[in-house]
Amino acid sequence: MFNRDRSQATVPAGALSREKQIALLIVAALAALLLLIGLAYAVYYSLHPASAAAKPLSGIPRDQITAVPLGPDDPTQARRDDLAARPMRTGSPADAQPSVLS
């Protein structure tokens, strides 16, 4: 009863074993390494923004490329101008209040 083996140390509840501590340290080191690699990429691309992937493939300069040709005779431009010229709808302060939750 009193002859307990003192060589086995008891581990307090909630304490991590040595293997778990090493695994946690390795995971933390890998996460820090990944963050440093990301930071290095961010610094590199901020200093060298004109990489081959960012250059246009066509011979047309970027300032002359437009998504949609807009001009005075364009029907979509006229429709947009008509919509912009219309007066906005009026609203009451009650419209700005949230509705009742059901």
PDB file of N, CA and C in Angstrom:
ATOM      1  N   MET A   1       0.810  -1.172   0.000  1.00  0.00           N
ATOM      2  CA  MET A   1       0.000   0.000   0.000  1.00  0.00           C
ATOM      3  C   MET A   1       0.865   1.251   0.000  1.00  0.00           C
ATOM      4  N   PHE A   2       1.903   1.291   0.813  1.00  0.00           N
ATOM      5  CA  PHE A   2       2.770   2.442   0.857  1.00  0.00           C
ATOM      6  C   PHE A   2       4.007   2.279  -0.019  1.00  0.00           C
ATOM      7  N   ASN A   3       4.128   1.188  -0.722  1.00  0.00           N
ATOM      8  CA  ASN A   3       5.288   0.935  -1.565  1.00  0.00           C
ATOM      9  C   ASN A   3       4.998   1.314  -3.020  1.00  0.00           C
ATOM     10  N   ARG A   4       4.545   2.493  -3.237  1.00  0.00           N
ATOM     11  CA  ARG A   4       4.267   2.966  -4.598  1.00  0.00           C
ATOM     12  C   ARG A   4       5.558   3.265  -5.322  1.00  0.00           C
ATOM     13  N   ASP A   5       5.563   3.018  -6.625  1.00  0.00           N
ATOM     14  CA  ASP A   5       6.756   3.301  -7.436  1.00  0.00           C
ATOM     15  C   ASP A   5       6.822   4.802  -7.693  1.00  0.00           C
ATOM     16  N   ARG A   6       7.849   5.460  -7.201  1.00  0.00           N
ATOM     17  CA  ARG A   6       7.990   6.906  -7.343  1.00  0.00           C
ATOM     18  C   ARG A   6       8.606   7.290  -8.698  1.00  0.00           C
ATOM     19  N   SER A   7       9.037   6.340  -9.507  1.00  0.00           N
ATOM     20  CA  SER A   7       9.674   6.677 -10.787  1.00  0.00           C
ATOM     21  C   SER A   7       8.660   7.168 -11.809  1.00  0.00           C
ATOM     22  N   GLN A   8       7.407   6.768 -11.669  1.00  0.00           N
ATOM     23  CA  GLN A   8       6.377   7.241 -12.597  1.00  0.00           C
ATOM     24  C   GLN A   8       5.795   8.551 -12.065  1.00  0.00           C
ATOM     25  N   ALA A   9       6.065   9.608 -12.791  1.00  0.00           N
ATOM     26  CA  ALA A   9       5.562  10.916 -12.376  1.00  0.00           C
ATOM     27  C   ALA A   9       4.132  11.067 -12.860  1.00  0.00           C
ATOM     28  N   THR A  10       3.322  11.624 -12.049  1.00  0.00           N
ATOM     29  CA  THR A  10       1.939  11.854 -12.453  1.00  0.00           C
ATOM     30  C   THR A  10       1.854  13.146 -13.241  1.00  0.00           C
ATOM     31  N   VAL A  11       1.055  13.122 -14.267  1.00  0.00           N
ATOM     32  CA  VAL A  11       0.877  14.289 -15.120  1.00  0.00           C
ATOM     33  C   VAL A  11      -0.389  14.998 -14.679  1.00  0.00           C
ATOM     34  N   PRO A  12      -0.316  16.291 -14.404  1.00  0.00           N
ATOM     35  CA  PRO A  12      -1.527  17.006 -14.002  1.00  0.00           C
ATOM     36  C   PRO A  12      -2.559  17.011 -15.132  1.00  0.00           C
ATOM     37  N   ALA A  13      -3.812  17.103 -14.759  1.00  0.00           N
ATOM     38  CA  ALA A  13      -4.903  17.111 -15.739  1.00  0.00           C
ATOM     39  C   ALA A  13      -4.791  18.343 -16.628  1.00  0.00           C
ATOM     40  N   GLY A  14      -4.950  18.139 -17.918  1.00  0.00           N
ATOM     41  CA  GLY A  14      -4.898  19.240 -18.866  1.00  0.00           C
ATOM     42  C   GLY A  14      -3.518  19.524 -19.406  1.00  0.00           C
ATOM     43  N   ALA A  15      -2.489  18.860 -18.910  1.00  0.00           N
ATOM     44  CA  ALA A  15      -1.131  19.079 -19.395  1.00  0.00           C
ATOM     45  C   ALA A  15      -0.911  18.262 -20.667  1.00  0.00           C
ATOM     46  N   LEU A  16      -0.109  18.786 -21.566  1.00  0.00           N
ATOM     47  CA  LEU A  16       0.183  18.087 -22.813  1.00  0.00           C
ATOM     48  C   LEU A  16       1.391  17.186 -22.629  1.00  0.00           C
ATOM     49  N   SER A  17       1.360  16.049 -23.307  1.00  0.00           N
ATOM     50  CA  SER A  17       2.509  15.159 -23.257  1.00  0.00           C
ATOM     51  C   SER A  17       3.646  15.759 -24.086  1.00  0.00           C
ATOM     52  N   ARG A  18       4.815  15.171 -23.953  1.00  0.00           N
ATOM     53  CA  ARG A  18       5.989  15.671 -24.681  1.00  0.00           C
ATOM     54  C   ARG A  18       5.773  15.557 -26.190  1.00  0.00           C
ATOM     55  N   GLU A  19       5.167  14.469 -26.645  1.00  0.00           N
ATOM     56  CA  GLU A  19       4.927  14.278 -28.070  1.00  0.00           C
ATOM     57  C   GLU A  19       3.964  15.336 -28.615  1.00  0.00           C
ATOM     58  N   LYS A  20       2.939  15.642 -27.854  1.00  0.00           N
ATOM     59  CA  LYS A  20       1.968  16.649 -28.292  1.00  0.00           C
ATOM     60  C   LYS A  20       2.592  18.045 -28.307  1.00  0.00           C
ATOM     61  N   GLN A  21       3.465  18.310 -27.359  1.00  0.00           N
ATOM     62  CA  GLN A  21       4.148  19.604 -27.341  1.00  0.00           C
ATOM     63  C   GLN A  21       5.058  19.754 -28.551  1.00  0.00           C
ATOM     64  N   ILE A  22       5.758  18.690 -28.914  1.00  0.00           N
ATOM     65  CA  ILE A  22       6.636  18.744 -30.087  1.00  0.00           C
ATOM     66  C   ILE A  22       5.806  18.907 -31.358  1.00  0.00           C
ATOM     67  N   ALA A  23       4.696  18.195 -31.453  1.00  0.00           N
ATOM     68  CA  ALA A  23       3.829  18.324 -32.632  1.00  0.00           C
ATOM     69  C   ALA A  23       3.264  19.734 -32.731  1.00  0.00           C
ATOM     70  N   LEU A  24       2.875  20.301 -31.613  1.00  0.00           N
ATOM     71  CA  LEU A  24       2.350  21.666 -31.601  1.00  0.00           C
ATOM     72  C   LEU A  24       3.422  22.666 -32.003  1.00  0.00           C
ATOM     73  N   LEU A  25       4.642  22.454 -31.548  1.00  0.00           N
ATOM     74  CA  LEU A  25       5.754  23.325 -31.914  1.00  0.00           C
ATOM     75  C   LEU A  25       6.049  23.232 -33.414  1.00  0.00           C
ATOM     76  N   ILE A  26       5.992  22.032 -33.973  1.00  0.00           N
ATOM     77  CA  ILE A  26       6.224  21.860 -35.414  1.00  0.00           C
ATOM     78  C   ILE A  26       5.128  22.553 -36.221  1.00  0.00           C
ATOM     79  N   VAL A  27       3.883  22.400 -35.822  1.00  0.00           N
ATOM     80  CA  VAL A  27       2.770  23.054 -36.531  1.00  0.00           C
ATOM     81  C   VAL A  27       2.903  24.573 -36.454  1.00  0.00           C
ATOM     82  N   ALA A  28       3.263  25.087 -35.289  1.00  0.00           N
ATOM     83  CA  ALA A  28       3.436  26.538 -35.145  1.00  0.00           C
ATOM     84  C   ALA A  28       4.594  27.037 -36.005  1.00  0.00           C
ATOM     85  N   ALA A  29       5.683  26.265 -36.079  1.00  0.00           N
ATOM     86  CA  ALA A  29       6.824  26.664 -36.913  1.00  0.00           C
ATOM     87  C   ALA A  29       6.452  26.649 -38.389  1.00  0.00           C
ATOM     88  N   LEU A  30       5.684  25.649 -38.819  1.00  0.00           N
ATOM     89  CA  LEU A  30       5.246  25.605 -40.220  1.00  0.00           C
ATOM     90  C   LEU A  30       4.297  26.762 -40.544  1.00  0.00           C
ATOM     91  N   ALA A  31       3.415  27.107 -39.626  1.00  0.00           N
ATOM     92  CA  ALA A  31       2.508  28.235 -39.847  1.00  0.00           C
ATOM     93  C   ALA A  31       3.295  29.541 -39.948  1.00  0.00           C
ATOM     94  N   ALA A  32       4.301  29.707 -39.086  1.00  0.00           N
ATOM     95  CA  ALA A  32       5.133  30.913 -39.149  1.00  0.00           C
ATOM     96  C   ALA A  32       5.920  30.961 -40.451  1.00  0.00           C
ATOM     97  N   LEU A  33       6.418  29.813 -40.905  1.00  0.00           N
ATOM     98  CA  LEU A  33       7.149  29.760 -42.168  1.00  0.00           C
ATOM     99  C   LEU A  33       6.232  30.111 -43.335  1.00  0.00           C
ATOM    100  N   LEU A  34       5.008  29.619 -43.319  1.00  0.00           N
ATOM    101  CA  LEU A  34       4.050  29.938 -44.382  1.00  0.00           C
ATOM    102  C   LEU A  34       3.726  31.430 -44.391  1.00  0.00           C
ATOM    103  N   LEU A  35       3.576  32.035 -43.219  1.00  0.00           N
ATOM    104  CA  LEU A  35       3.325  33.476 -43.153  1.00  0.00           C
ATOM    105  C   LEU A  35       4.513  34.283 -43.677  1.00  0.00           C
ATOM    106  N   LEU A  36       5.719  33.848 -43.361  1.00  0.00           N
ATOM    107  CA  LEU A  36       6.903  34.547 -43.854  1.00  0.00           C
ATOM    108  C   LEU A  36       7.036  34.419 -45.375  1.00  0.00           C
ATOM    109  N   ILE A  37       6.706  33.260 -45.916  1.00  0.00           N
ATOM    110  CA  ILE A  37       6.743  33.093 -47.375  1.00  0.00           C
ATOM    111  C   ILE A  37       5.713  34.006 -48.025  1.00  0.00           C
ATOM    112  N   GLY A  38       4.518  34.087 -47.455  1.00  0.00           N
ATOM    113  CA  GLY A  38       3.496  34.992 -47.989  1.00  0.00           C
ATOM    114  C   GLY A  38       3.924  36.443 -47.916  1.00  0.00           C
ATOM    115  N   LEU A  39       4.562  36.818 -46.836  1.00  0.00           N
ATOM    116  CA  LEU A  39       5.063  38.185 -46.700  1.00  0.00           C
ATOM    117  C   LEU A  39       6.155  38.468 -47.724  1.00  0.00           C
ATOM    118  N   ALA A  40       7.020  37.493 -47.960  1.00  0.00           N
ATOM    119  CA  ALA A  40       8.081  37.668 -48.960  1.00  0.00           C
ATOM    120  C   ALA A  40       7.483  37.837 -50.352  1.00  0.00           C
ATOM    121  N   TYR A  41       6.455  37.041 -50.689  1.00  0.00           N
ATOM    122  CA  TYR A  41       5.780  37.208 -51.979  1.00  0.00           C
ATOM    123  C   TYR A  41       5.134  38.584 -52.093  1.00  0.00           C
ATOM    124  N   ALA A  42       4.505  39.036 -51.037  1.00  0.00           N
ATOM    125  CA  ALA A  42       3.849  40.344 -51.078  1.00  0.00           C
ATOM    126  C   ALA A  42       4.858  41.461 -51.294  1.00  0.00           C
ATOM    127  N   VAL A  43       6.001  41.382 -50.610  1.00  0.00           N
ATOM    128  CA  VAL A  43       7.031  42.405 -50.784  1.00  0.00           C
ATOM    129  C   VAL A  43       7.610  42.334 -52.192  1.00  0.00           C
ATOM    130  N   TYR A  44       7.870  41.124 -52.677  1.00  0.00           N
ATOM    131  CA  TYR A  44       8.444  40.971 -54.018  1.00  0.00           C
ATOM    132  C   TYR A  44       7.505  41.532 -55.087  1.00  0.00           C
ATOM    133  N   TYR A  45       6.218  41.163 -55.019  1.00  0.00           N
ATOM    134  CA  TYR A  45       5.278  41.635 -56.041  1.00  0.00           C
ATOM    135  C   TYR A  45       4.945  43.113 -55.899  1.00  0.00           C
ATOM    136  N   SER A  46       5.138  43.674 -54.720  1.00  0.00           N
ATOM    137  CA  SER A  46       4.937  45.127 -54.603  1.00  0.00           C
ATOM    138  C   SER A  46       6.115  45.884 -55.203  1.00  0.00           C
ATOM    139  N   LEU A  47       7.300  45.283 -55.171  1.00  0.00           N
ATOM    140  CA  LEU A  47       8.470  45.934 -55.763  1.00  0.00           C
ATOM    141  C   LEU A  47       8.595  45.680 -57.263  1.00  0.00           C
ATOM    142  N   HIS A  48       8.078  44.556 -57.748  1.00  0.00           N
ATOM    143  CA  HIS A  48       8.158  44.186 -59.163  1.00  0.00           C
ATOM    144  C   HIS A  48       6.758  43.882 -59.698  1.00  0.00           C
ATOM    145  N   PRO A  49       5.894  44.890 -59.864  1.00  0.00           N
ATOM    146  CA  PRO A  49       4.514  44.615 -60.252  1.00  0.00           C
ATOM    147  C   PRO A  49       4.343  44.221 -61.717  1.00  0.00           C
ATOM    148  N   ALA A  50       5.251  44.595 -62.596  1.00  0.00           N
ATOM    149  CA  ALA A  50       5.077  44.332 -64.024  1.00  0.00           C
ATOM    150  C   ALA A  50       5.697  42.985 -64.381  1.00  0.00           C
ATOM    151  N   SER A  51       5.045  41.916 -63.964  1.00  0.00           N
ATOM    152  CA  SER A  51       5.534  40.590 -64.313  1.00  0.00           C
ATOM    153  C   SER A  51       4.919  40.167 -65.641  1.00  0.00           C
ATOM    154  N   ALA A  52       5.361  39.039 -66.173  1.00  0.00           N
ATOM    155  CA  ALA A  52       4.861  38.562 -67.467  1.00  0.00           C
ATOM    156  C   ALA A  52       3.376  38.231 -67.396  1.00  0.00           C
ATOM    157  N   ALA A  53       2.882  37.811 -66.239  1.00  0.00           N
ATOM    158  CA  ALA A  53       1.470  37.475 -66.104  1.00  0.00           C
ATOM    159  C   ALA A  53       0.582  38.715 -66.142  1.00  0.00           C
ATOM    160  N   ALA A  54       1.118  39.870 -65.799  1.00  0.00           N
ATOM    161  CA  ALA A  54       0.313  41.086 -65.741  1.00  0.00           C
ATOM    162  C   ALA A  54       0.302  41.853 -67.057  1.00  0.00           C
ATOM    163  N   LYS A  55       1.171  41.495 -67.994  1.00  0.00           N
ATOM    164  CA  LYS A  55       1.233  42.227 -69.258  1.00  0.00           C
ATOM    165  C   LYS A  55       0.130  41.765 -70.198  1.00  0.00           C
ATOM    166  N   PRO A  56      -0.461  42.665 -70.963  1.00  0.00           N
ATOM    167  CA  PRO A  56      -1.503  42.259 -71.900  1.00  0.00           C
ATOM    168  C   PRO A  56      -0.912  41.428 -73.036  1.00  0.00           C
ATOM    169  N   LEU A  57      -1.704  40.486 -73.531  1.00  0.00           N
ATOM    170  CA  LEU A  57      -1.240  39.620 -74.600  1.00  0.00           C
ATOM    171  C   LEU A  57      -1.394  40.266 -75.972  1.00  0.00           C
ATOM    172  N   SER A  58      -2.321  41.199 -76.113  1.00  0.00           N
ATOM    173  CA  SER A  58      -2.537  41.821 -77.404  1.00  0.00           C
ATOM    174  C   SER A  58      -1.590  43.005 -77.594  1.00  0.00           C
ATOM    175  N   GLY A  59      -1.524  43.488 -78.825  1.00  0.00           N
ATOM    176  CA  GLY A  59      -0.672  44.624 -79.122  1.00  0.00           C
ATOM    177  C   GLY A  59      -1.357  45.953 -78.867  1.00  0.00           C
ATOM    178  N   ILE A  60      -2.599  45.931 -78.385  1.00  0.00           N
ATOM    179  CA  ILE A  60      -3.349  47.156 -78.119  1.00  0.00           C
ATOM    180  C   ILE A  60      -2.934  47.694 -76.749  1.00  0.00           C
ATOM    181  N   PRO A  61      -2.591  48.960 -76.656  1.00  0.00           N
ATOM    182  CA  PRO A  61      -2.237  49.521 -75.342  1.00  0.00           C
ATOM    183  C   PRO A  61      -3.415  49.469 -74.383  1.00  0.00           C
ATOM    184  N   ARG A  62      -3.112  49.372 -73.091  1.00  0.00           N
ATOM    185  CA  ARG A  62      -4.162  49.253 -72.075  1.00  0.00           C
ATOM    186  C   ARG A  62      -5.110  50.454 -72.044  1.00  0.00           C
ATOM    187  N   ASP A  63      -4.598  51.649 -72.309  1.00  0.00           N
ATOM    188  CA  ASP A  63      -5.461  52.827 -72.217  1.00  0.00           C
ATOM    189  C   ASP A  63      -6.458  52.907 -73.363  1.00  0.00           C
ATOM    190  N   GLN A  64      -6.265  52.118 -74.415  1.00  0.00           N
ATOM    191  CA  GLN A  64      -7.203  52.137 -75.529  1.00  0.00           C
ATOM    192  C   GLN A  64      -8.211  50.992 -75.465  1.00  0.00           C
ATOM    193  N   ILE A  65      -8.070  50.103 -74.511  1.00  0.00           N
ATOM    194  CA  ILE A  65      -8.991  48.979 -74.372  1.00  0.00           C
ATOM    195  C   ILE A  65     -10.177  49.422 -73.534  1.00  0.00           C
ATOM    196  N   THR A  66     -11.402  49.236 -74.048  1.00  0.00           N
ATOM    197  CA  THR A  66     -12.621  49.513 -73.294  1.00  0.00           C
ATOM    198  C   THR A  66     -13.511  48.294 -73.364  1.00  0.00           C
ATOM    199  N   ALA A  67     -14.282  48.086 -72.339  1.00  0.00           N
ATOM    200  CA  ALA A  67     -15.163  46.924 -72.301  1.00  0.00           C
ATOM    201  C   ALA A  67     -16.333  47.099 -73.263  1.00  0.00           C
ATOM    202  N   VAL A  68     -16.902  48.292 -73.310  1.00  0.00           N
ATOM    203  CA  VAL A  68     -18.059  48.562 -74.159  1.00  0.00           C
ATOM    204  C   VAL A  68     -17.830  49.901 -74.844  1.00  0.00           C
ATOM    205  N   PRO A  69     -17.988  49.953 -76.160  1.00  0.00           N
ATOM    206  CA  PRO A  69     -17.829  51.254 -76.817  1.00  0.00           C
ATOM    207  C   PRO A  69     -18.995  52.176 -76.478  1.00  0.00           C
ATOM    208  N   LEU A  70     -18.705  53.289 -75.845  1.00  0.00           N
ATOM    209  CA  LEU A  70     -19.737  54.254 -75.482  1.00  0.00           C
ATOM    210  C   LEU A  70     -19.523  55.526 -76.282  1.00  0.00           C
ATOM    211  N   GLY A  71     -20.579  55.978 -76.868  1.00  0.00           N
ATOM    212  CA  GLY A  71     -20.510  57.198 -77.643  1.00  0.00           C
ATOM    213  C   GLY A  71     -21.861  57.886 -77.634  1.00  0.00           C
ATOM    214  N   PRO A  72     -21.971  59.026 -78.288  1.00  0.00           N
ATOM    215  CA  PRO A  72     -23.256  59.742 -78.275  1.00  0.00           C
ATOM    216  C   PRO A  72     -24.353  58.993 -79.025  1.00  0.00           C
ATOM    217  N   ASP A  73     -24.006  58.138 -79.970  1.00  0.00           N
ATOM    218  CA  ASP A  73     -25.017  57.411 -80.736  1.00  0.00           C
ATOM    219  C   ASP A  73     -25.306  56.022 -80.163  1.00  0.00           C
ATOM    220  N   ASP A  74     -24.685  55.682 -79.087  1.00  0.00           N
ATOM    221  CA  ASP A  74     -24.863  54.358 -78.498  1.00  0.00           C
ATOM    222  C   ASP A  74     -26.220  54.284 -77.799  1.00  0.00           C
ATOM    223  N   PRO A  75     -27.072  53.296 -78.111  1.00  0.00           N
ATOM    224  CA  PRO A  75     -28.404  53.226 -77.485  1.00  0.00           C
ATOM    225  C   PRO A  75     -28.347  52.928 -75.990  1.00  0.00           C
ATOM    226  N   THR A  76     -27.368  52.173 -75.560  1.00  0.00           N
ATOM    227  CA  THR A  76     -27.288  51.901 -74.124  1.00  0.00           C
ATOM    228  C   THR A  76     -26.898  53.152 -73.348  1.00  0.00           C
ATOM    229  N   GLN A  77     -26.059  54.002 -73.961  1.00  0.00           N
ATOM    230  CA  GLN A  77     -25.680  55.242 -73.291  1.00  0.00           C
ATOM    231  C   GLN A  77     -26.886  56.168 -73.172  1.00  0.00           C
ATOM    232  N   ALA A  78     -27.706  56.234 -74.205  1.00  0.00           N
ATOM    233  CA  ALA A  78     -28.906  57.077 -74.150  1.00  0.00           C
ATOM    234  C   ALA A  78     -29.868  56.559 -73.083  1.00  0.00           C
ATOM    235  N   ARG A  79     -30.007  55.244 -72.978  1.00  0.00           N
ATOM    236  CA  ARG A  79     -30.900  54.678 -71.967  1.00  0.00           C
ATOM    237  C   ARG A  79     -30.374  54.966 -70.563  1.00  0.00           C
ATOM    238  N   ARG A  80     -29.072  54.887 -70.390  1.00  0.00           N
ATOM    239  CA  ARG A  80     -28.488  55.196 -69.093  1.00  0.00           C
ATOM    240  C   ARG A  80     -28.670  56.672 -68.751  1.00  0.00           C
ATOM    241  N   ASP A  81     -28.534  57.548 -69.739  1.00  0.00           N
ATOM    242  CA  ASP A  81     -28.738  58.974 -69.495  1.00  0.00           C
ATOM    243  C   ASP A  81     -30.183  59.264 -69.111  1.00  0.00           C
ATOM    244  N   ASP A  82     -31.145  58.598 -69.780  1.00  0.00           N
ATOM    245  CA  ASP A  82     -32.554  58.787 -69.425  1.00  0.00           C
ATOM    246  C   ASP A  82     -32.828  58.324 -67.997  1.00  0.00           C
ATOM    247  N   LEU A  83     -32.248  57.217 -67.627  1.00  0.00           N
ATOM    248  CA  LEU A  83     -32.440  56.716 -66.273  1.00  0.00           C
ATOM    249  C   LEU A  83     -31.822  57.663 -65.246  1.00  0.00           C
ATOM    250  N   ALA A  84     -30.675  58.226 -65.558  1.00  0.00           N
ATOM    251  CA  ALA A  84     -30.018  59.151 -64.634  1.00  0.00           C
ATOM    252  C   ALA A  84     -30.764  60.471 -64.522  1.00  0.00           C
ATOM    253  N   ALA A  85     -31.491  60.853 -65.573  1.00  0.00           N
ATOM    254  CA  ALA A  85     -32.205  62.128 -65.559  1.00  0.00           C
ATOM    255  C   ALA A  85     -33.519  62.048 -64.791  1.00  0.00           C
ATOM    256  N   ARG A  86     -34.037  60.846 -64.571  1.00  0.00           N
ATOM    257  CA  ARG A  86     -35.303  60.706 -63.850  1.00  0.00           C
ATOM    258  C   ARG A  86     -35.116  61.106 -62.386  1.00  0.00           C
ATOM    259  N   PRO A  87     -36.157  61.694 -61.784  1.00  0.00           N
ATOM    260  CA  PRO A  87     -36.049  62.022 -60.362  1.00  0.00           C
ATOM    261  C   PRO A  87     -36.091  60.747 -59.520  1.00  0.00           C
ATOM    262  N   MET A  88     -35.429  60.812 -58.392  1.00  0.00           N
ATOM    263  CA  MET A  88     -35.417  59.654 -57.495  1.00  0.00           C
ATOM    264  C   MET A  88     -36.734  59.557 -56.748  1.00  0.00           C
ATOM    265  N   ARG A  89     -37.082  58.347 -56.349  1.00  0.00           N
ATOM    266  CA  ARG A  89     -38.310  58.155 -55.567  1.00  0.00           C
ATOM    267  C   ARG A  89     -38.121  58.774 -54.192  1.00  0.00           C
ATOM    268  N   THR A  90     -39.202  59.315 -53.670  1.00  0.00           N
ATOM    269  CA  THR A  90     -39.140  59.883 -52.326  1.00  0.00           C
ATOM    270  C   THR A  90     -39.481  58.802 -51.314  1.00  0.00           C
ATOM    271  N   GLY A  91     -38.922  58.919 -50.154  1.00  0.00           N
ATOM    272  CA  GLY A  91     -39.192  57.951 -49.102  1.00  0.00           C
ATOM    273  C   GLY A  91     -39.465  58.659 -47.800  1.00  0.00           C
ATOM    274  N   SER A  92     -40.198  57.991 -46.948  1.00  0.00           N
ATOM    275  CA  SER A  92     -40.502  58.573 -45.643  1.00  0.00           C
ATOM    276  C   SER A  92     -39.495  58.033 -44.611  1.00  0.00           C
ATOM    277  N   PRO A  93     -39.391  58.686 -43.463  1.00  0.00           N
ATOM    278  CA  PRO A  93     -38.499  58.153 -42.416  1.00  0.00           C
ATOM    279  C   PRO A  93     -38.898  56.756 -41.941  1.00  0.00           C
ATOM    280  N   ALA A  94     -40.169  56.407 -42.079  1.00  0.00           N
ATOM    281  CA  ALA A  94     -40.615  55.082 -41.668  1.00  0.00           C
ATOM    282  C   ALA A  94     -40.037  54.011 -42.600  1.00  0.00           C
ATOM    283  N   ASP A  95     -39.746  54.378 -43.837  1.00  0.00           N
ATOM    284  CA  ASP A  95     -39.158  53.402 -44.770  1.00  0.00           C
ATOM    285  C   ASP A  95     -37.736  53.020 -44.359  1.00  0.00           C
ATOM    286  N   ALA A  96     -37.081  53.848 -43.604  1.00  0.00           N
ATOM    287  CA  ALA A  96     -35.709  53.585 -43.202  1.00  0.00           C
ATOM    288  C   ALA A  96     -35.631  52.725 -41.945  1.00  0.00           C
ATOM    289  N   GLN A  97     -36.766  52.471 -41.299  1.00  0.00           N
ATOM    290  CA  GLN A  97     -36.787  51.673 -40.085  1.00  0.00           C
ATOM    291  C   GLN A  97     -36.907  50.189 -40.435  1.00  0.00           C
ATOM    292  N   PRO A  98     -36.304  49.320 -39.615  1.00  0.00           N
ATOM    293  CA  PRO A  98     -36.421  47.885 -39.892  1.00  0.00           C
ATOM    294  C   PRO A  98     -37.840  47.393 -39.681  1.00  0.00           C
ATOM    295  N   SER A  99     -38.170  46.333 -40.388  1.00  0.00           N
ATOM    296  CA  SER A  99     -39.522  45.788 -40.267  1.00  0.00           C
ATOM    297  C   SER A  99     -39.607  44.910 -39.015  1.00  0.00           C
ATOM    298  N   VAL A 100     -40.813  44.505 -38.710  1.00  0.00           N
ATOM    299  CA  VAL A 100     -41.055  43.672 -37.548  1.00  0.00           C
ATOM    300  C   VAL A 100     -40.575  42.248 -37.855  1.00  0.00           C
ATOM    301  N   LEU A 101     -39.844  41.666 -36.913  1.00  0.00           N
ATOM    302  CA  LEU A 101     -39.389  40.302 -37.090  1.00  0.00           C
ATOM    303  C   LEU A 101     -40.509  39.337 -36.775  1.00  0.00           C
ATOM    304  N   SER A 102     -40.618  38.313 -37.587  1.00  0.00           N
ATOM    305  CA  SER A 102     -41.685  37.343 -37.324  1.00  0.00           C
ATOM    306  C   SER A 102     -41.133  36.082 -36.730  1.00  0.00           C
TER     307      SER A 102
END
